[in-house]
Amino acid sequence: MTNRQIKSLTCIAVVMAAGLGVLAPSSAAAGRRVHPGDSIQDAVNYARPGDTITVMPGTYYENVLITKRLTLRGYGARTVIRPPVTAVTPVAPVTPQAPGASGAPVASGAAQAPAAKPPAKPATSDTPATSGRALACSQADTGICVMGTAEQPVVDVDIHSLTVSGFKRNGIWASYTDRLSVQRVISEKNGTWGIAQERSTRGLFRDNIARDNAESGLFIANTVDREGGATDTLGAVVRRNTLTGNRIGVTVRRVRNLSVYGNELTGNCGGIFVVGDEGEPGAGDMTIRNNRIHENNKFCKGNTRLPDIQGVGIVLTGAEETIVRSNDIRGNVGASPLSGGILLFKSFVGATNTDNVIRDNVVRDNKPADLANQGTGTGNQFVNNRCASSVPAGMC
């Protein structure tokens, strides 16, 4: 055989090997898979910032803490995260040891340790240090915690296509994040919020299902542990989500500059709540549009913050410069002080609704009224809404 023939055969062999997958693509190193019986948290701890972790179909009994940039993705309803079977104390994410070293930590709440540890990765500068607050979140019966710090928010975390179910507190909780993306997630039957975020900017919440959670299906706030003026979300988006069976479908509390559009809300006690207070700056400067809000007639008993809730479409309380337009709001019926189609409600703490625009909505068959404007706020406009009843009269 000539040298030329040998070279030709060698080239053919290389091409065939590449076609059969012998030569792995360079991007393969950035991917990790977790199988039933493995630990999601272990994969998170050992991932490099920017890695994608794919959680295969199955049920995983653990809490997950994320403090670095990564993608966590599953197979929708087939990938389920549930509370640990027994109480556990989660360990902090660690600096991975060198290849071959022993003593790598077992992640919190894993059903069992994985058969083999992923390769170790060096620490990197864009991984925020794990704080006591982050660990407290992961220990507090929450499914997935995404936790940065005031000095170093965690950036570009993507949670995609998985189910979080049955946690005593929250399905997903995020604090000090930027550009968090939660898409195609099912968050159900959790004891407080389905998907919640505070102290964060530029979040995207799209195509999720939040159902049968004890408080809000989706909750976005400035902060939950102290009072204060509204914070700028820098354009957060709540889009095309389905919210059913919750106390409130969507709550946006003491924040500004976001949009809530294209969502389906039905069977909750209340649809959408925009909540501000006397703090400065005020809550508002947002758009609520093209949502379908029908028959949110479940009854929820009042608490120290709110009266009974039933038959609520959209409520603004202590809000300013908010546009509510092109929504379809029908059949929300109740006897609560908050009941009705679209309500500008007098604030419990003295903050007024000012300079809000309610226009081009279809608001029908809501009781006691399709539209209601309470309190002493000024500059609120009701324009071109298709409705049958209003308080005071004359707004339809």
Protein backbone atom coordinates (compact mmCIF):
# COMPACT_ATOMS: atom_id res chain seq x y z
CA MET A 1 0.00 0.00 0.00
CA THR A 2 1.40 3.36 -0.99
CA ASN A 3 1.89 6.28 1.37
CA ARG A 4 -0.81 8.20 -0.51
CA GLN A 5 -3.32 5.37 0.05
CA ILE A 6 -2.45 5.20 3.75
CA LYS A 7 -3.01 8.96 4.15
CA SER A 8 -6.34 8.70 2.31
CA LEU A 9 -7.54 5.87 4.53
CA THR A 10 -6.47 7.80 7.62
CA CYS A 11 -8.51 10.82 6.55
CA ILE A 12 -11.55 8.64 5.88
CA ALA A 13 -11.22 7.03 9.31
CA VAL A 14 -11.10 10.42 11.02
CA VAL A 15 -14.22 11.60 9.18
CA MET A 16 -16.09 8.38 10.05
CA ALA A 17 -15.07 8.64 13.68
CA ALA A 18 -16.34 12.19 13.88
CA GLY A 19 -19.62 11.15 12.30
CA LEU A 20 -20.05 8.33 14.82
CA GLY A 21 -19.45 10.68 17.76
CA VAL A 22 -15.99 9.44 18.68
CA LEU A 23 -14.79 13.03 18.45
CA ALA A 24 -17.05 14.76 21.00
CA PRO A 25 -18.09 18.33 20.32
CA SER A 26 -16.19 20.93 22.32
CA SER A 27 -19.36 22.12 24.02
CA ALA A 28 -19.90 18.75 25.70
CA ALA A 29 -17.72 19.76 28.65
CA ALA A 30 -20.27 22.45 29.59
CA GLY A 31 -23.11 19.95 30.07
CA ARG A 32 -24.01 17.73 33.03
CA ARG A 33 -26.78 15.18 33.45
CA VAL A 34 -28.49 14.17 36.66
CA HIS A 35 -30.34 10.85 36.80
CA PRO A 36 -32.82 9.57 39.39
CA GLY A 37 -30.87 8.64 42.50
CA ASP A 38 -28.25 11.32 41.78
CA SER A 39 -28.13 14.69 43.49
CA ILE A 40 -29.07 17.88 41.67
CA GLN A 41 -27.29 19.92 44.34
CA ASP A 42 -24.10 17.99 43.85
CA ALA A 43 -24.17 18.78 40.14
CA VAL A 44 -24.80 22.46 40.92
CA ASN A 45 -21.93 22.61 43.41
CA TYR A 46 -19.46 21.14 40.92
CA ALA A 47 -20.64 23.03 37.85
CA ARG A 48 -18.64 25.83 36.31
CA PRO A 49 -20.45 29.15 35.89
CA GLY A 50 -22.28 28.95 32.57
CA ASP A 51 -22.76 25.17 32.63
CA THR A 52 -26.06 23.53 31.71
CA ILE A 53 -27.38 20.87 34.09
CA THR A 54 -30.00 18.58 32.57
CA VAL A 55 -32.16 16.76 35.11
CA MET A 56 -33.50 13.59 33.56
CA PRO A 57 -37.11 12.41 34.11
CA GLY A 58 -37.75 11.20 37.63
CA THR A 59 -38.55 12.42 41.15
CA TYR A 60 -35.84 14.09 43.23
CA TYR A 61 -36.31 14.59 46.97
CA GLU A 62 -34.15 17.59 47.83
CA ASN A 63 -33.73 21.35 48.15
CA VAL A 64 -31.51 23.07 45.59
CA LEU A 65 -29.39 26.18 46.20
CA ILE A 66 -27.98 28.09 43.22
CA THR A 67 -25.41 30.86 43.75
CA LYS A 68 -23.73 30.97 40.34
CA ARG A 69 -24.60 31.53 36.68
CA LEU A 70 -25.97 28.32 35.16
CA THR A 71 -28.90 26.66 33.43
CA LEU A 72 -30.99 24.05 35.23
CA ARG A 73 -33.34 22.27 32.89
CA GLY A 74 -35.55 19.23 33.04
CA TYR A 75 -38.32 17.48 31.15
CA GLY A 76 -41.37 19.43 32.35
CA ALA A 77 -43.91 17.37 34.26
CA ARG A 78 -41.60 14.36 34.06
CA THR A 79 -38.85 15.98 36.16
CA VAL A 80 -40.21 16.58 39.67
CA ILE A 81 -38.48 18.10 42.70
CA ARG A 82 -40.19 17.34 46.03
CA PRO A 83 -39.27 17.94 49.68
CA PRO A 84 -36.67 15.66 51.20
CA VAL A 85 -38.13 12.56 52.81
CA THR A 86 -36.28 13.31 56.06
CA ALA A 87 -35.08 16.58 57.52
CA VAL A 88 -31.60 17.50 56.33
CA THR A 89 -29.10 20.29 56.87
CA PRO A 90 -27.93 21.48 53.46
CA VAL A 91 -24.21 21.99 52.96
CA ALA A 92 -22.80 25.11 51.40
CA PRO A 93 -21.66 24.95 47.80
CA VAL A 94 -17.94 24.28 48.00
CA THR A 95 -14.82 24.93 46.03
CA PRO A 96 -14.44 21.60 44.24
CA GLN A 97 -11.36 19.56 45.05
CA ALA A 98 -8.75 18.52 42.58
CA PRO A 99 -9.44 15.48 40.39
CA GLY A 100 -9.13 12.28 42.37
CA ALA A 101 -9.38 13.92 45.79
CA SER A 102 -11.69 12.35 48.35
CA GLY A 103 -14.31 13.85 50.66
CA ALA A 104 -16.49 15.73 48.13
CA PRO A 105 -19.72 16.77 49.88
CA VAL A 106 -23.02 15.07 49.34
CA ALA A 107 -25.67 17.62 48.37
CA SER A 108 -28.58 18.51 50.57
CA GLY A 109 -31.61 16.30 50.57
CA ALA A 110 -30.50 13.94 47.83
CA ALA A 111 -32.42 10.69 47.64
CA GLN A 112 -29.03 8.97 47.57
CA ALA A 113 -25.47 9.85 46.66
CA PRO A 114 -24.61 9.71 42.95
CA ALA A 115 -22.69 6.70 41.77
CA ALA A 116 -19.85 8.86 40.50
CA LYS A 117 -18.91 12.46 41.21
CA PRO A 118 -18.60 14.90 38.35
CA PRO A 119 -15.09 16.09 37.56
CA ALA A 120 -13.88 18.80 39.88
CA LYS A 121 -13.87 22.40 38.72
CA PRO A 122 -11.82 25.31 40.00
CA ALA A 123 -13.42 28.21 41.82
CA THR A 124 -14.23 31.22 39.64
CA SER A 125 -14.61 34.90 40.32
CA ASP A 126 -18.24 35.20 39.21
CA THR A 127 -19.55 32.78 41.85
CA PRO A 128 -20.90 34.79 44.82
CA ALA A 129 -19.76 33.61 48.22
CA THR A 130 -22.41 31.54 49.96
CA SER A 131 -24.01 33.61 52.72
CA GLY A 132 -25.85 32.50 55.82
CA ARG A 133 -28.97 33.98 54.24
CA ALA A 134 -28.59 31.74 51.19
CA LEU A 135 -28.20 28.65 53.34
CA ALA A 136 -31.17 29.71 55.43
CA CYS A 137 -33.27 29.81 52.27
CA SER A 138 -32.28 26.30 51.28
CA GLN A 139 -33.01 25.08 54.79
CA ALA A 140 -36.43 26.71 54.92
CA ASP A 141 -38.48 24.15 53.03
CA THR A 142 -38.12 25.89 49.66
CA GLY A 143 -37.60 23.87 46.50
CA ILE A 144 -35.09 25.96 44.54
CA CYS A 145 -33.30 28.99 46.00
CA VAL A 146 -31.38 31.36 43.71
CA MET A 147 -29.35 33.61 45.99
CA GLY A 148 -26.90 36.39 45.30
CA THR A 149 -25.80 39.24 47.54
CA ALA A 150 -26.20 43.01 47.47
CA GLU A 151 -22.54 43.33 46.48
CA GLN A 152 -22.64 40.55 43.89
CA PRO A 153 -26.05 39.56 42.49
CA VAL A 154 -26.18 36.20 40.78
CA VAL A 155 -26.61 36.77 37.04
CA ASP A 156 -28.13 34.80 34.17
CA VAL A 157 -29.60 31.82 35.99
CA ASP A 158 -32.03 29.94 33.75
CA ILE A 159 -34.52 27.46 35.28
CA HIS A 160 -36.40 25.65 32.57
CA SER A 161 -38.91 22.82 32.14
CA LEU A 162 -39.24 21.13 35.50
CA THR A 163 -41.80 20.72 38.30
CA VAL A 164 -41.46 21.88 41.91
CA SER A 165 -44.17 20.50 44.17
CA GLY A 166 -45.29 20.30 47.77
CA PHE A 167 -42.76 22.46 49.66
CA LYS A 168 -43.82 24.00 52.97
CA ARG A 169 -42.77 27.46 51.84
CA ASN A 170 -41.94 28.30 48.22
CA GLY A 171 -41.47 26.41 45.01
CA ILE A 172 -38.81 28.81 43.66
CA TRP A 173 -37.38 31.73 45.64
CA ALA A 174 -34.86 34.26 44.27
CA SER A 175 -33.08 37.15 45.95
CA TYR A 176 -30.43 39.53 44.58
CA THR A 177 -30.58 38.25 41.02
CA ASP A 178 -30.20 39.88 37.62
CA ARG A 179 -31.67 38.40 34.44
CA LEU A 180 -33.13 35.38 36.19
CA SER A 181 -35.19 33.37 33.69
CA VAL A 182 -37.88 30.93 34.83
CA GLN A 183 -39.66 29.30 31.90
CA ARG A 184 -41.96 26.30 31.43
CA VAL A 185 -41.85 25.46 35.11
CA ILE A 186 -44.75 23.90 37.02
CA SER A 187 -44.85 25.12 40.62
CA GLU A 188 -47.71 23.61 42.58
CA LYS A 189 -49.09 22.95 46.06
CA ASN A 190 -46.47 24.97 47.91
CA GLY A 191 -47.20 26.54 51.30
CA THR A 192 -46.48 30.17 50.42
CA TRP A 193 -45.52 31.30 46.90
CA GLY A 194 -45.18 29.28 43.73
CA ILE A 195 -42.45 31.41 42.11
CA ALA A 196 -41.15 34.46 43.98
CA GLN A 197 -38.44 37.09 43.58
CA GLU A 198 -37.19 40.05 45.61
CA ARG A 199 -34.33 42.57 45.38
CA SER A 200 -33.84 41.61 41.74
CA THR A 201 -33.78 43.09 38.25
CA ARG A 202 -34.63 42.11 34.68
CA GLY A 203 -36.34 38.85 35.56
CA LEU A 204 -38.26 36.87 32.94
CA PHE A 205 -41.14 34.60 34.01
CA ARG A 206 -42.71 33.02 30.95
CA ASP A 207 -44.90 30.04 30.05
CA ASN A 208 -45.03 28.74 33.62
CA ILE A 209 -47.91 27.03 35.44
CA ALA A 210 -48.39 28.06 39.08
CA ARG A 211 -51.31 26.29 40.69
CA ASP A 212 -52.78 25.54 44.10
CA ASN A 213 -50.18 27.54 46.05
CA ALA A 214 -51.26 28.95 49.43
CA GLU A 215 -50.37 32.56 48.56
CA SER A 216 -49.44 34.02 45.16
CA GLY A 217 -48.66 31.88 42.17
CA LEU A 218 -46.16 34.52 41.02
CA PHE A 219 -44.80 37.12 43.45
CA ILE A 220 -42.39 39.98 42.69
CA ALA A 221 -41.41 42.44 45.42
CA ASN A 222 -38.79 44.95 46.45
CA THR A 223 -38.15 43.05 49.70
CA VAL A 224 -40.22 40.96 52.05
CA ASP A 225 -38.47 41.53 55.37
CA ARG A 226 -38.69 45.32 55.71
CA GLU A 227 -40.66 48.33 54.53
CA GLY A 228 -39.30 50.68 51.89
CA GLY A 229 -39.93 52.51 48.67
CA ALA A 230 -40.49 50.71 45.39
CA THR A 231 -37.44 49.40 43.55
CA ASP A 232 -36.87 49.47 39.79
CA THR A 233 -36.97 45.99 38.23
CA LEU A 234 -35.35 47.40 35.06
CA GLY A 235 -38.02 45.82 32.89
CA ALA A 236 -39.02 42.52 34.45
CA VAL A 237 -41.52 40.50 32.39
CA VAL A 238 -44.37 38.23 33.53
CA ARG A 239 -45.70 36.71 30.33
CA ARG A 240 -47.94 33.85 29.14
CA ASN A 241 -48.20 32.12 32.50
CA THR A 242 -51.18 30.06 33.65
CA LEU A 243 -52.22 30.71 37.25
CA THR A 244 -55.00 28.69 38.86
CA GLY A 245 -56.14 27.72 42.34
CA ASN A 246 -53.85 30.15 44.19
CA ARG A 247 -54.83 32.76 46.76
CA ILE A 248 -53.69 35.43 44.27
CA GLY A 249 -52.54 34.74 40.74
CA VAL A 250 -49.89 37.48 40.40
CA THR A 251 -48.76 39.94 43.08
CA VAL A 252 -46.35 42.80 42.30
CA ARG A 253 -45.52 44.61 45.52
CA ARG A 254 -43.54 47.83 45.92
CA VAL A 255 -41.79 47.61 42.56
CA ARG A 256 -41.66 49.68 39.37
CA ASN A 257 -40.98 49.29 35.68
CA LEU A 258 -42.27 45.87 34.64
CA SER A 259 -44.93 44.33 32.41
CA VAL A 260 -47.54 41.67 33.11
CA TYR A 261 -49.10 40.50 29.87
CA GLY A 262 -50.67 37.58 28.06
CA ASN A 263 -51.33 35.58 31.22
CA GLU A 264 -54.29 33.30 31.97
CA LEU A 265 -55.75 33.62 35.49
CA THR A 266 -58.76 31.61 36.59
CA GLY A 267 -60.00 29.81 39.69
CA ASN A 268 -57.89 31.86 42.11
CA CYS A 269 -59.34 33.95 44.92
CA GLY A 270 -57.92 36.99 43.15
CA GLY A 271 -56.29 37.68 39.79
CA ILE A 272 -53.64 40.44 39.76
CA PHE A 273 -52.68 42.66 42.71
CA VAL A 274 -50.48 45.77 42.36
CA VAL A 275 -49.55 46.84 45.87
CA GLY A 276 -47.79 50.00 47.05
CA ASP A 277 -47.58 51.95 50.28
CA GLU A 278 -46.57 55.40 51.51
CA GLY A 279 -42.88 54.79 50.78
CA GLU A 280 -41.01 56.72 48.10
CA PRO A 281 -40.68 56.10 45.25
CA GLY A 282 -44.19 54.74 44.85
CA ALA A 283 -45.12 51.43 43.26
CA GLY A 284 -46.19 51.59 39.64
CA ASP A 285 -44.86 52.71 36.26
CA MET A 286 -45.89 49.33 34.86
CA THR A 287 -48.15 47.88 32.19
CA ILE A 288 -50.79 45.18 32.72
CA ARG A 289 -52.22 44.16 29.36
CA ASN A 290 -53.79 41.42 27.30
CA ASN A 291 -54.44 39.14 30.25
CA ARG A 292 -57.43 36.82 30.46
CA ILE A 293 -58.83 37.01 33.99
CA HIS A 294 -61.98 34.90 34.38
CA GLU A 295 -63.97 33.57 37.33
CA ASN A 296 -61.47 33.96 40.12
CA ASN A 297 -64.18 33.05 42.62
CA LYS A 298 -62.42 30.79 45.09
CA PHE A 299 -62.88 32.06 48.67
CA CYS A 300 -59.83 32.88 50.81
CA LYS A 301 -60.18 33.99 54.41
CA GLY A 302 -58.64 37.34 55.30
CA ASN A 303 -55.45 37.81 57.31
CA THR A 304 -53.65 40.65 59.08
CA ARG A 305 -52.73 42.27 55.75
CA LEU A 306 -55.85 41.82 53.65
CA PRO A 307 -59.59 41.21 54.07
CA ASP A 308 -61.35 38.15 52.66
CA ILE A 309 -60.55 37.67 48.99
CA GLN A 310 -63.05 36.33 46.46
CA GLY A 311 -64.12 37.30 42.97
CA VAL A 312 -61.23 39.71 42.28
CA GLY A 313 -60.02 40.61 38.80
CA ILE A 314 -57.35 43.35 39.06
CA VAL A 315 -56.68 45.45 42.18
CA LEU A 316 -54.48 48.53 42.37
CA THR A 317 -53.77 49.81 45.86
CA GLY A 318 -51.23 52.57 46.44
CA ALA A 319 -50.15 52.46 42.77
CA GLU A 320 -49.14 55.24 40.42
CA GLU A 321 -48.64 55.67 36.67
CA THR A 322 -49.80 52.15 35.87
CA ILE A 323 -51.47 51.31 32.55
CA VAL A 324 -54.15 48.61 32.64
CA ARG A 325 -55.27 47.98 29.06
CA SER A 326 -56.72 45.44 26.66
CA ASN A 327 -57.48 42.82 29.31
CA ASP A 328 -60.45 40.46 29.19
CA ILE A 329 -61.96 40.33 32.70
CA ARG A 330 -65.19 38.38 33.18
CA GLY A 331 -67.25 36.62 35.80
CA ASN A 332 -65.30 37.58 38.92
CA VAL A 333 -67.99 37.59 41.61
CA GLY A 334 -67.76 37.92 45.39
CA ALA A 335 -68.78 39.82 48.50
CA SER A 336 -65.28 40.85 49.60
CA PRO A 337 -64.34 44.56 49.82
CA LEU A 338 -61.93 43.73 46.97
CA SER A 339 -64.45 41.94 44.70
CA GLY A 340 -65.13 43.05 41.14
CA GLY A 341 -63.53 43.47 37.75
CA ILE A 342 -60.98 46.31 38.04
CA LEU A 343 -60.73 48.06 41.41
CA LEU A 344 -58.70 51.05 42.50
CA PHE A 345 -58.78 50.26 46.19
CA LYS A 346 -58.20 52.64 49.05
CA SER A 347 -54.89 51.77 50.68
CA PHE A 348 -54.80 50.39 54.19
CA VAL A 349 -51.80 52.60 55.01
CA GLY A 350 -52.97 55.84 53.47
CA ALA A 351 -51.24 55.64 50.06
CA THR A 352 -53.46 56.78 47.18
CA ASN A 353 -53.78 55.56 43.60
CA THR A 354 -52.66 58.37 41.31
CA ASP A 355 -52.28 58.93 37.56
CA ASN A 356 -53.25 55.40 36.52
CA VAL A 357 -54.88 54.73 33.14
CA ILE A 358 -57.55 52.02 32.75
CA ARG A 359 -58.47 51.73 29.09
CA ASP A 360 -59.68 49.45 26.30
CA ASN A 361 -60.55 46.57 28.61
CA VAL A 362 -63.50 44.18 28.24
CA VAL A 363 -64.93 43.96 31.76
CA ARG A 364 -68.19 42.01 31.95
CA ASP A 365 -70.32 40.11 34.47
CA ASN A 366 -68.20 41.03 37.48
CA LYS A 367 -69.89 41.76 40.80
CA PRO A 368 -70.45 43.97 42.66
CA ALA A 369 -69.12 46.10 39.78
CA ASP A 370 -67.06 45.86 36.63
CA LEU A 371 -65.11 49.03 37.46
CA ALA A 372 -64.64 50.74 40.82
CA ASN A 373 -62.61 53.77 41.89
CA GLN A 374 -62.32 54.16 45.65
CA GLY A 375 -60.28 56.51 47.77
CA THR A 376 -59.11 60.04 47.17
CA GLY A 377 -56.44 59.54 44.52
CA THR A 378 -56.18 61.97 41.63
CA GLY A 379 -55.40 61.77 37.94
CA ASN A 380 -56.84 58.30 37.38
CA GLN A 381 -58.49 57.80 33.97
CA PHE A 382 -61.07 55.23 32.83
CA VAL A 383 -61.24 55.34 29.03
CA ASN A 384 -63.08 53.26 26.43
CA ASN A 385 -63.73 50.22 28.60
CA ARG A 386 -66.54 47.86 27.61
CA CYS A 387 -68.45 47.27 30.83
CA ALA A 388 -71.96 47.39 32.30
CA SER A 389 -71.54 48.70 35.85
CA SER A 390 -69.22 51.03 37.72
CA VAL A 391 -68.79 52.67 41.11
CA PRO A 392 -69.20 55.58 40.92
CA ALA A 393 -71.59 55.38 37.99
CA GLY A 394 -70.65 56.77 34.60
CA MET A 395 -67.24 55.15 33.99
CA CYS A 396 -68.55 52.59 31.48
